[in-house]
Amino acid sequence: MSNTSNAFQNLDRLVIQLFDGSLSHADKEILEKLLCDNPDARLRYAELATLESILHWEFAGVES
């Protein structure tokens, strides 16, 4: 697996934890630095945020 793939796996994990409210303070700082330093990471974050929003919209009326 390439370094880019590994970096995005880590990014995906951090973003998912951010969205579900389980991201630690230390990991939040890692995520912020990654997003500040890497334009590709910002694009991936935007993709994940869009997907998260769509899922909330689609399932907003669904009861547990």
Protein backbone atom coordinates (compact mmCIF):
# COMPACT_ATOMS: atom_id res chain seq x y z
CA MET A 1 0.00 0.00 0.00
CA SER A 2 1.32 3.44 -0.86
CA ASN A 3 2.00 6.24 1.59
CA THR A 4 -0.87 8.23 0.06
CA SER A 5 -3.32 5.38 0.68
CA ASN A 6 -2.09 5.04 4.26
CA ALA A 7 -2.41 8.79 4.82
CA PHE A 8 -5.99 8.81 3.57
CA GLN A 9 -6.89 5.77 5.66
CA ASN A 10 -5.67 7.70 8.68
CA LEU A 11 -7.49 10.83 7.49
CA ASP A 12 -10.71 8.86 6.99
CA ARG A 13 -10.41 7.37 10.49
CA LEU A 14 -9.85 10.79 12.05
CA VAL A 15 -12.72 12.41 10.15
CA ILE A 16 -15.12 9.60 11.03
CA GLN A 17 -14.19 9.97 14.69
CA LEU A 18 -14.70 13.74 14.38
CA PHE A 19 -18.18 13.24 12.92
CA ASP A 20 -19.23 10.75 15.60
CA GLY A 21 -17.82 12.86 18.43
CA SER A 22 -15.11 10.44 19.55
CA LEU A 23 -12.03 12.30 18.30
CA SER A 24 -9.48 12.93 21.04
CA HIS A 25 -7.89 16.33 21.51
CA ALA A 26 -4.51 14.99 20.36
CA ASP A 27 -6.05 13.46 17.23
CA LYS A 28 -7.94 16.69 16.54
CA GLU A 29 -4.62 18.52 16.42
CA ILE A 30 -3.24 15.88 14.03
CA LEU A 31 -6.30 16.26 11.79
CA GLU A 32 -6.05 20.06 11.81
CA LYS A 33 -2.37 19.94 10.82
CA LEU A 34 -3.04 17.41 8.09
CA LEU A 35 -5.81 19.58 6.65
CA CYS A 36 -3.73 22.76 6.85
CA ASP A 37 -0.72 21.19 5.17
CA ASN A 38 -2.29 19.04 2.46
CA PRO A 39 -4.68 20.25 -0.27
CA ASP A 40 -5.54 16.65 -1.21
CA ALA A 41 -6.51 15.96 2.40
CA ARG A 42 -8.80 19.00 2.32
CA LEU A 43 -10.50 17.64 -0.81
CA ARG A 44 -10.95 14.24 0.82
CA TYR A 45 -12.36 15.92 3.95
CA ALA A 46 -14.85 17.81 1.78
CA GLU A 47 -15.90 14.54 0.11
CA LEU A 48 -16.42 12.87 3.46
CA ALA A 49 -18.32 15.86 4.86
CA THR A 50 -20.59 15.86 1.81
CA LEU A 51 -21.24 12.14 2.17
CA GLU A 52 -21.99 12.56 5.88
CA SER A 53 -24.44 15.37 5.08
CA ILE A 54 -26.20 13.32 2.40
CA LEU A 55 -26.55 10.38 4.76
CA HIS A 56 -28.05 12.60 7.45
CA TRP A 57 -30.44 14.10 4.91
CA GLU A 58 -31.48 10.73 3.47
CA PHE A 59 -32.02 9.07 6.82
CA ALA A 60 -33.33 12.05 8.81
CA GLY A 61 -36.84 10.62 8.94
CA VAL A 62 -35.85 7.03 9.62
CA GLU A 63 -36.50 5.85 13.17
CA SER A 64 -34.00 3.63 14.97
